[in-house]
Amino acid sequence: MFATLTQAGTAYSQSQCDSIKKQREAIRSQLRSGYSTKEGEHLTARDKALFTLLANHCSKPKKGSSVSSIASTRTSNSNWLLN
């Protein structure tokens, strides 16, 4: 979690974004299959954290583009995802 905070504002690679998406799919699968109250709270919190990572870092994964274009793309796409 701390490594993620130090990378705030940077775009993740496609493989990092794919990994986050797979983690969210696994969490959603667990949520559909049943869980205890405590486990459900943990799964829901983790799903929200992963969603935020996707919104902030994976709208346009890095492909050698400049930092300024990533920042402007991230801002517009993040707002769309959160609405």
PDB file of N, CA and C in Angstrom:
ATOM      1  N   MET A   1       0.810  -1.175   0.000  1.00  0.00           N
ATOM      2  CA  MET A   1       0.000   0.000   0.000  1.00  0.00           C
ATOM      3  C   MET A   1       0.865   1.255   0.000  1.00  0.00           C
ATOM      4  N   PHE A   2       1.966   1.284   0.733  1.00  0.00           N
ATOM      5  CA  PHE A   2       2.815   2.464   0.782  1.00  0.00           C
ATOM      6  C   PHE A   2       3.509   2.712  -0.536  1.00  0.00           C
ATOM      7  N   ALA A   3       3.889   1.667  -1.243  1.00  0.00           N
ATOM      8  CA  ALA A   3       4.518   1.837  -2.554  1.00  0.00           C
ATOM      9  C   ALA A   3       3.551   2.512  -3.513  1.00  0.00           C
ATOM     10  N   THR A   4       2.290   2.212  -3.378  1.00  0.00           N
ATOM     11  CA  THR A   4       1.271   2.818  -4.228  1.00  0.00           C
ATOM     12  C   THR A   4       1.174   4.316  -3.966  1.00  0.00           C
ATOM     13  N   LEU A   5       1.267   4.723  -2.717  1.00  0.00           N
ATOM     14  CA  LEU A   5       1.159   6.130  -2.377  1.00  0.00           C
ATOM     15  C   LEU A   5       2.309   6.939  -2.949  1.00  0.00           C
ATOM     16  N   THR A   6       3.493   6.360  -3.038  1.00  0.00           N
ATOM     17  CA  THR A   6       4.636   7.090  -3.570  1.00  0.00           C
ATOM     18  C   THR A   6       4.537   7.252  -5.072  1.00  0.00           C
ATOM     19  N   GLN A   7       3.721   6.462  -5.739  1.00  0.00           N
ATOM     20  CA  GLN A   7       3.568   6.532  -7.182  1.00  0.00           C
ATOM     21  C   GLN A   7       2.325   7.307  -7.592  1.00  0.00           C
ATOM     22  N   ALA A   8       1.719   8.035  -6.679  1.00  0.00           N
ATOM     23  CA  ALA A   8       0.496   8.769  -6.984  1.00  0.00           C
ATOM     24  C   ALA A   8       0.720   9.709  -8.154  1.00  0.00           C
ATOM     25  N   GLY A   9      -0.204   9.693  -9.094  1.00  0.00           N
ATOM     26  CA  GLY A   9      -0.126  10.583 -10.241  1.00  0.00           C
ATOM     27  C   GLY A   9       0.604   9.997 -11.424  1.00  0.00           C
ATOM     28  N   THR A  10       1.162   8.816 -11.310  1.00  0.00           N
ATOM     29  CA  THR A  10       1.851   8.205 -12.441  1.00  0.00           C
ATOM     30  C   THR A  10       0.988   7.106 -13.036  1.00  0.00           C
ATOM     31  N   ALA A  11       1.119   6.907 -14.334  1.00  0.00           N
ATOM     32  CA  ALA A  11       0.355   5.863 -15.015  1.00  0.00           C
ATOM     33  C   ALA A  11       1.059   4.520 -14.824  1.00  0.00           C
ATOM     34  N   TYR A  12       0.283   3.496 -14.612  1.00  0.00           N
ATOM     35  CA  TYR A  12       0.820   2.145 -14.469  1.00  0.00           C
ATOM     36  C   TYR A  12       0.936   1.493 -15.835  1.00  0.00           C
ATOM     37  N   SER A  13       1.776   0.467 -15.918  1.00  0.00           N
ATOM     38  CA  SER A  13       1.903  -0.296 -17.154  1.00  0.00           C
ATOM     39  C   SER A  13       0.649  -1.147 -17.354  1.00  0.00           C
ATOM     40  N   GLN A  14       0.477  -1.631 -18.569  1.00  0.00           N
ATOM     41  CA  GLN A  14      -0.696  -2.462 -18.878  1.00  0.00           C
ATOM     42  C   GLN A  14      -0.714  -3.708 -18.009  1.00  0.00           C
ATOM     43  N   SER A  15       0.435  -4.316 -17.748  1.00  0.00           N
ATOM     44  CA  SER A  15       0.473  -5.535 -16.927  1.00  0.00           C
ATOM     45  C   SER A  15       0.080  -5.241 -15.478  1.00  0.00           C
ATOM     46  N   GLN A  16       0.478  -4.075 -14.948  1.00  0.00           N
ATOM     47  CA  GLN A  16       0.068  -3.704 -13.595  1.00  0.00           C
ATOM     48  C   GLN A  16      -1.447  -3.497 -13.530  1.00  0.00           C
ATOM     49  N   CYS A  17      -1.994  -2.832 -14.530  1.00  0.00           N
ATOM     50  CA  CYS A  17      -3.437  -2.598 -14.570  1.00  0.00           C
ATOM     51  C   CYS A  17      -4.199  -3.916 -14.704  1.00  0.00           C
ATOM     52  N   ASP A  18      -3.693  -4.807 -15.533  1.00  0.00           N
ATOM     53  CA  ASP A  18      -4.332  -6.116 -15.692  1.00  0.00           C
ATOM     54  C   ASP A  18      -4.315  -6.893 -14.383  1.00  0.00           C
ATOM     55  N   SER A  19      -3.220  -6.793 -13.635  1.00  0.00           N
ATOM     56  CA  SER A  19      -3.110  -7.479 -12.353  1.00  0.00           C
ATOM     57  C   SER A  19      -4.137  -6.942 -11.358  1.00  0.00           C
ATOM     58  N   ILE A  20      -4.310  -5.630 -11.326  1.00  0.00           N
ATOM     59  CA  ILE A  20      -5.302  -5.015 -10.441  1.00  0.00           C
ATOM     60  C   ILE A  20      -6.705  -5.473 -10.830  1.00  0.00           C
ATOM     61  N   LYS A  21      -6.984  -5.524 -12.119  1.00  0.00           N
ATOM     62  CA  LYS A  21      -8.303  -5.973 -12.585  1.00  0.00           C
ATOM     63  C   LYS A  21      -8.563  -7.417 -12.176  1.00  0.00           C
ATOM     64  N   LYS A  22      -7.546  -8.278 -12.272  1.00  0.00           N
ATOM     65  CA  LYS A  22      -7.702  -9.676 -11.867  1.00  0.00           C
ATOM     66  C   LYS A  22      -7.962  -9.784 -10.373  1.00  0.00           C
ATOM     67  N   GLN A  23      -7.285  -8.952  -9.580  1.00  0.00           N
ATOM     68  CA  GLN A  23      -7.518  -8.952  -8.138  1.00  0.00           C
ATOM     69  C   GLN A  23      -8.955  -8.557  -7.824  1.00  0.00           C
ATOM     70  N   ARG A  24      -9.469  -7.544  -8.528  1.00  0.00           N
ATOM     71  CA  ARG A  24     -10.862  -7.119  -8.322  1.00  0.00           C
ATOM     72  C   ARG A  24     -11.829  -8.227  -8.720  1.00  0.00           C
ATOM     73  N   GLU A  25     -11.542  -8.939  -9.811  1.00  0.00           N
ATOM     74  CA  GLU A  25     -12.407 -10.040 -10.229  1.00  0.00           C
ATOM     75  C   GLU A  25     -12.440 -11.133  -9.164  1.00  0.00           C
ATOM     76  N   ALA A  26     -11.292 -11.435  -8.576  1.00  0.00           N
ATOM     77  CA  ALA A  26     -11.221 -12.458  -7.532  1.00  0.00           C
ATOM     78  C   ALA A  26     -12.016 -12.024  -6.301  1.00  0.00           C
ATOM     79  N   ILE A  27     -11.921 -10.760  -5.936  1.00  0.00           N
ATOM     80  CA  ILE A  27     -12.668 -10.238  -4.790  1.00  0.00           C
ATOM     81  C   ILE A  27     -14.158 -10.315  -5.063  1.00  0.00           C
ATOM     82  N   ARG A  28     -14.570  -9.906  -6.242  1.00  0.00           N
ATOM     83  CA  ARG A  28     -15.999  -9.949  -6.581  1.00  0.00           C
ATOM     84  C   ARG A  28     -16.524 -11.385  -6.582  1.00  0.00           C
ATOM     85  N   SER A  29     -15.705 -12.315  -7.018  1.00  0.00           N
ATOM     86  CA  SER A  29     -16.088 -13.724  -6.996  1.00  0.00           C
ATOM     87  C   SER A  29     -16.302 -14.186  -5.555  1.00  0.00           C
ATOM     88  N   GLN A  30     -15.390 -13.786  -4.664  1.00  0.00           N
ATOM     89  CA  GLN A  30     -15.537 -14.140  -3.253  1.00  0.00           C
ATOM     90  C   GLN A  30     -16.794 -13.509  -2.665  1.00  0.00           C
ATOM     91  N   LEU A  31     -17.078 -12.273  -3.039  1.00  0.00           N
ATOM     92  CA  LEU A  31     -18.271 -11.599  -2.528  1.00  0.00           C
ATOM     93  C   LEU A  31     -19.552 -12.297  -2.986  1.00  0.00           C
ATOM     94  N   ARG A  32     -19.537 -12.865  -4.177  1.00  0.00           N
ATOM     95  CA  ARG A  32     -20.716 -13.585  -4.685  1.00  0.00           C
ATOM     96  C   ARG A  32     -20.882 -14.951  -4.039  1.00  0.00           C
ATOM     97  N   SER A  33     -19.779 -15.537  -3.557  1.00  0.00           N
ATOM     98  CA  SER A  33     -19.852 -16.905  -3.057  1.00  0.00           C
ATOM     99  C   SER A  33     -20.142 -17.013  -1.562  1.00  0.00           C
ATOM    100  N   GLY A  34     -20.187 -15.919  -0.860  1.00  0.00           N
ATOM    101  CA  GLY A  34     -20.482 -15.955   0.564  1.00  0.00           C
ATOM    102  C   GLY A  34     -19.257 -15.648   1.410  1.00  0.00           C
ATOM    103  N   TYR A  35     -19.504 -15.036   2.561  1.00  0.00           N
ATOM    104  CA  TYR A  35     -18.413 -14.586   3.401  1.00  0.00           C
ATOM    105  C   TYR A  35     -18.963 -14.178   4.754  1.00  0.00           C
ATOM    106  N   SER A  36     -18.074 -14.080   5.742  1.00  0.00           N
ATOM    107  CA  SER A  36     -18.480 -13.582   7.057  1.00  0.00           C
ATOM    108  C   SER A  36     -18.576 -12.063   7.009  1.00  0.00           C
ATOM    109  N   THR A  37     -19.167 -11.470   8.028  1.00  0.00           N
ATOM    110  CA  THR A  37     -19.308 -10.019   8.073  1.00  0.00           C
ATOM    111  C   THR A  37     -17.948  -9.338   8.051  1.00  0.00           C
ATOM    112  N   LYS A  38     -17.035  -9.814   8.865  1.00  0.00           N
ATOM    113  CA  LYS A  38     -15.697  -9.212   8.946  1.00  0.00           C
ATOM    114  C   LYS A  38     -14.965  -9.356   7.612  1.00  0.00           C
ATOM    115  N   GLU A  39     -15.044 -10.540   7.013  1.00  0.00           N
ATOM    116  CA  GLU A  39     -14.398 -10.772   5.721  1.00  0.00           C
ATOM    117  C   GLU A  39     -15.034  -9.900   4.634  1.00  0.00           C
ATOM    118  N   GLY A  40     -16.341  -9.745   4.673  1.00  0.00           N
ATOM    119  CA  GLY A  40     -17.039  -8.908   3.702  1.00  0.00           C
ATOM    120  C   GLY A  40     -16.593  -7.461   3.777  1.00  0.00           C
ATOM    121  N   GLU A  41     -16.403  -6.956   4.979  1.00  0.00           N
ATOM    122  CA  GLU A  41     -15.922  -5.588   5.156  1.00  0.00           C
ATOM    123  C   GLU A  41     -14.519  -5.433   4.578  1.00  0.00           C
ATOM    124  N   HIS A  42     -13.673  -6.430   4.840  1.00  0.00           N
ATOM    125  CA  HIS A  42     -12.304  -6.393   4.312  1.00  0.00           C
ATOM    126  C   HIS A  42     -12.311  -6.451   2.786  1.00  0.00           C
ATOM    127  N   LEU A  43     -13.105  -7.344   2.225  1.00  0.00           N
ATOM    128  CA  LEU A  43     -13.170  -7.482   0.769  1.00  0.00           C
ATOM    129  C   LEU A  43     -13.702  -6.206   0.110  1.00  0.00           C
ATOM    130  N   THR A  44     -14.727  -5.625   0.710  1.00  0.00           N
ATOM    131  CA  THR A  44     -15.301  -4.397   0.159  1.00  0.00           C
ATOM    132  C   THR A  44     -14.291  -3.253   0.206  1.00  0.00           C
ATOM    133  N   ALA A  45     -13.575  -3.119   1.306  1.00  0.00           N
ATOM    134  CA  ALA A  45     -12.559  -2.062   1.421  1.00  0.00           C
ATOM    135  C   ALA A  45     -11.446  -2.264   0.398  1.00  0.00           C
ATOM    136  N   ARG A  46     -11.018  -3.504   0.224  1.00  0.00           N
ATOM    137  CA  ARG A  46      -9.951  -3.792  -0.746  1.00  0.00           C
ATOM    138  C   ARG A  46     -10.429  -3.518  -2.169  1.00  0.00           C
ATOM    139  N   ASP A  47     -11.678  -3.873  -2.472  1.00  0.00           N
ATOM    140  CA  ASP A  47     -12.235  -3.613  -3.797  1.00  0.00           C
ATOM    141  C   ASP A  47     -12.272  -2.113  -4.075  1.00  0.00           C
ATOM    142  N   LYS A  48     -12.667  -1.320  -3.098  1.00  0.00           N
ATOM    143  CA  LYS A  48     -12.701   0.137  -3.267  1.00  0.00           C
ATOM    144  C   LYS A  48     -11.302   0.694  -3.489  1.00  0.00           C
ATOM    145  N   ALA A  49     -10.318   0.174  -2.762  1.00  0.00           N
ATOM    146  CA  ALA A  49      -8.942   0.641  -2.914  1.00  0.00           C
ATOM    147  C   ALA A  49      -8.415   0.311  -4.311  1.00  0.00           C
ATOM    148  N   LEU A  50      -8.726  -0.875  -4.795  1.00  0.00           N
ATOM    149  CA  LEU A  50      -8.286  -1.262  -6.141  1.00  0.00           C
ATOM    150  C   LEU A  50      -8.990  -0.423  -7.203  1.00  0.00           C
ATOM    151  N   PHE A  51     -10.273  -0.123  -6.993  1.00  0.00           N
ATOM    152  CA  PHE A  51     -11.005   0.731  -7.918  1.00  0.00           C
ATOM    153  C   PHE A  51     -10.335   2.103  -8.014  1.00  0.00           C
ATOM    154  N   THR A  52      -9.946   2.644  -6.875  1.00  0.00           N
ATOM    155  CA  THR A  52      -9.286   3.944  -6.853  1.00  0.00           C
ATOM    156  C   THR A  52      -7.958   3.891  -7.596  1.00  0.00           C
ATOM    157  N   LEU A  53      -7.199   2.818  -7.412  1.00  0.00           N
ATOM    158  CA  LEU A  53      -5.943   2.663  -8.151  1.00  0.00           C
ATOM    159  C   LEU A  53      -6.197   2.657  -9.648  1.00  0.00           C
ATOM    160  N   LEU A  54      -7.203   1.907 -10.072  1.00  0.00           N
ATOM    161  CA  LEU A  54      -7.536   1.863 -11.504  1.00  0.00           C
ATOM    162  C   LEU A  54      -7.924   3.248 -12.014  1.00  0.00           C
ATOM    163  N   ALA A  55      -8.737   3.948 -11.254  1.00  0.00           N
ATOM    164  CA  ALA A  55      -9.187   5.274 -11.677  1.00  0.00           C
ATOM    165  C   ALA A  55      -8.032   6.261 -11.767  1.00  0.00           C
ATOM    166  N   ASN A  56      -7.100   6.174 -10.834  1.00  0.00           N
ATOM    167  CA  ASN A  56      -6.002   7.140 -10.781  1.00  0.00           C
ATOM    168  C   ASN A  56      -4.822   6.798 -11.676  1.00  0.00           C
ATOM    169  N   HIS A  57      -4.631   5.523 -11.989  1.00  0.00           N
ATOM    170  CA  HIS A  57      -3.403   5.118 -12.667  1.00  0.00           C
ATOM    171  C   HIS A  57      -3.586   4.305 -13.939  1.00  0.00           C
ATOM    172  N   CYS A  58      -4.800   3.868 -14.235  1.00  0.00           N
ATOM    173  CA  CYS A  58      -4.961   2.939 -15.345  1.00  0.00           C
ATOM    174  C   CYS A  58      -5.915   3.400 -16.436  1.00  0.00           C
ATOM    175  N   SER A  59      -6.290   4.652 -16.446  1.00  0.00           N
ATOM    176  CA  SER A  59      -7.186   5.096 -17.510  1.00  0.00           C
ATOM    177  C   SER A  59      -6.474   5.052 -18.858  1.00  0.00           C
ATOM    178  N   LYS A  60      -5.216   5.377 -18.880  1.00  0.00           N
ATOM    179  CA  LYS A  60      -4.378   5.269 -20.074  1.00  0.00           C
ATOM    180  C   LYS A  60      -3.001   4.785 -19.631  1.00  0.00           C
ATOM    181  N   PRO A  61      -2.753   3.459 -19.603  1.00  0.00           N
ATOM    182  CA  PRO A  61      -1.455   2.963 -19.156  1.00  0.00           C
ATOM    183  C   PRO A  61      -0.312   3.576 -19.959  1.00  0.00           C
ATOM    184  N   LYS A  62       0.826   3.737 -19.281  1.00  0.00           N
ATOM    185  CA  LYS A  62       1.962   4.404 -19.916  1.00  0.00           C
ATOM    186  C   LYS A  62       2.482   3.626 -21.115  1.00  0.00           C
ATOM    187  N   LYS A  63       2.825   4.369 -22.156  1.00  0.00           N
ATOM    188  CA  LYS A  63       3.390   3.789 -23.364  1.00  0.00           C
ATOM    189  C   LYS A  63       4.480   4.727 -23.874  1.00  0.00           C
ATOM    190  N   GLY A  64       5.244   5.304 -22.934  1.00  0.00           N
ATOM    191  CA  GLY A  64       6.304   6.202 -23.304  1.00  0.00           C
ATOM    192  C   GLY A  64       5.832   7.618 -23.566  1.00  0.00           C
ATOM    193  N   SER A  65       4.623   7.975 -23.131  1.00  0.00           N
ATOM    194  CA  SER A  65       4.111   9.318 -23.368  1.00  0.00           C
ATOM    195  C   SER A  65       4.638  10.267 -22.297  1.00  0.00           C
ATOM    196  N   SER A  66       4.481  11.553 -22.535  1.00  0.00           N
ATOM    197  CA  SER A  66       5.009  12.560 -21.618  1.00  0.00           C
ATOM    198  C   SER A  66       4.172  12.639 -20.351  1.00  0.00           C
ATOM    199  N   VAL A  67       4.770  13.161 -19.301  1.00  0.00           N
ATOM    200  CA  VAL A  67       4.097  13.271 -18.018  1.00  0.00           C
ATOM    201  C   VAL A  67       2.914  14.226 -18.104  1.00  0.00           C
ATOM    202  N   SER A  68       3.050  15.326 -18.817  1.00  0.00           N
ATOM    203  CA  SER A  68       1.954  16.298 -18.879  1.00  0.00           C
ATOM    204  C   SER A  68       0.726  15.718 -19.564  1.00  0.00           C
ATOM    205  N   SER A  69       0.909  14.933 -20.616  1.00  0.00           N
ATOM    206  CA  SER A  69      -0.257  14.346 -21.274  1.00  0.00           C
ATOM    207  C   SER A  69      -0.891  13.271 -20.406  1.00  0.00           C
ATOM    208  N   ILE A  70      -0.097  12.563 -19.630  1.00  0.00           N
ATOM    209  CA  ILE A  70      -0.643  11.559 -18.715  1.00  0.00           C
ATOM    210  C   ILE A  70      -1.466  12.249 -17.641  1.00  0.00           C
ATOM    211  N   ALA A  71      -0.952  13.350 -17.091  1.00  0.00           N
ATOM    212  CA  ALA A  71      -1.667  14.055 -16.028  1.00  0.00           C
ATOM    213  C   ALA A  71      -3.002  14.586 -16.524  1.00  0.00           C
ATOM    214  N   SER A  72      -3.047  15.175 -17.703  1.00  0.00           N
ATOM    215  CA  SER A  72      -4.310  15.714 -18.203  1.00  0.00           C
ATOM    216  C   SER A  72      -5.285  14.601 -18.543  1.00  0.00           C
ATOM    217  N   THR A  73      -4.814  13.504 -19.098  1.00  0.00           N
ATOM    218  CA  THR A  73      -5.680  12.373 -19.408  1.00  0.00           C
ATOM    219  C   THR A  73      -6.207  11.746 -18.131  1.00  0.00           C
ATOM    220  N   ARG A  74      -5.345  11.597 -17.137  1.00  0.00           N
ATOM    221  CA  ARG A  74      -5.739  10.984 -15.876  1.00  0.00           C
ATOM    222  C   ARG A  74      -6.827  11.812 -15.203  1.00  0.00           C
ATOM    223  N   THR A  75      -6.694  13.103 -15.212  1.00  0.00           N
ATOM    224  CA  THR A  75      -7.669  13.964 -14.558  1.00  0.00           C
ATOM    225  C   THR A  75      -9.039  13.835 -15.205  1.00  0.00           C
ATOM    226  N   SER A  76      -9.108  13.917 -16.517  1.00  0.00           N
ATOM    227  CA  SER A  76     -10.406  13.843 -17.183  1.00  0.00           C
ATOM    228  C   SER A  76     -11.013  12.447 -17.070  1.00  0.00           C
ATOM    229  N   ASN A  77     -10.221  11.403 -17.211  1.00  0.00           N
ATOM    230  CA  ASN A  77     -10.754  10.049 -17.142  1.00  0.00           C
ATOM    231  C   ASN A  77     -11.106   9.659 -15.708  1.00  0.00           C
ATOM    232  N   SER A  78     -10.351  10.139 -14.728  1.00  0.00           N
ATOM    233  CA  SER A  78     -10.648   9.822 -13.333  1.00  0.00           C
ATOM    234  C   SER A  78     -12.010  10.371 -12.937  1.00  0.00           C
ATOM    235  N   ASN A  79     -12.296  11.587 -13.371  1.00  0.00           N
ATOM    236  CA  ASN A  79     -13.589  12.174 -13.046  1.00  0.00           C
ATOM    237  C   ASN A  79     -14.722  11.377 -13.673  1.00  0.00           C
ATOM    238  N   TRP A  80     -14.532  10.922 -14.879  1.00  0.00           N
ATOM    239  CA  TRP A  80     -15.547  10.129 -15.547  1.00  0.00           C
ATOM    240  C   TRP A  80     -15.791   8.822 -14.792  1.00  0.00           C
ATOM    241  N   LEU A  81     -14.720   8.130 -14.377  1.00  0.00           N
ATOM    242  CA  LEU A  81     -14.867   6.863 -13.683  1.00  0.00           C
ATOM    243  C   LEU A  81     -15.552   7.033 -12.334  1.00  0.00           C
ATOM    244  N   LEU A  82     -15.278   8.124 -11.652  1.00  0.00           N
ATOM    245  CA  LEU A  82     -15.852   8.318 -10.340  1.00  0.00           C
ATOM    246  C   LEU A  82     -17.298   8.757 -10.373  1.00  0.00           C
ATOM    247  N   ASN A  83     -17.754   9.301 -11.512  1.00  0.00           N
ATOM    248  CA  ASN A  83     -19.159   9.701 -11.631  1.00  0.00           C
ATOM    249  C   ASN A  83     -19.943   8.500 -11.910  1.00  0.00           C
TER     250      ASN A  83
END
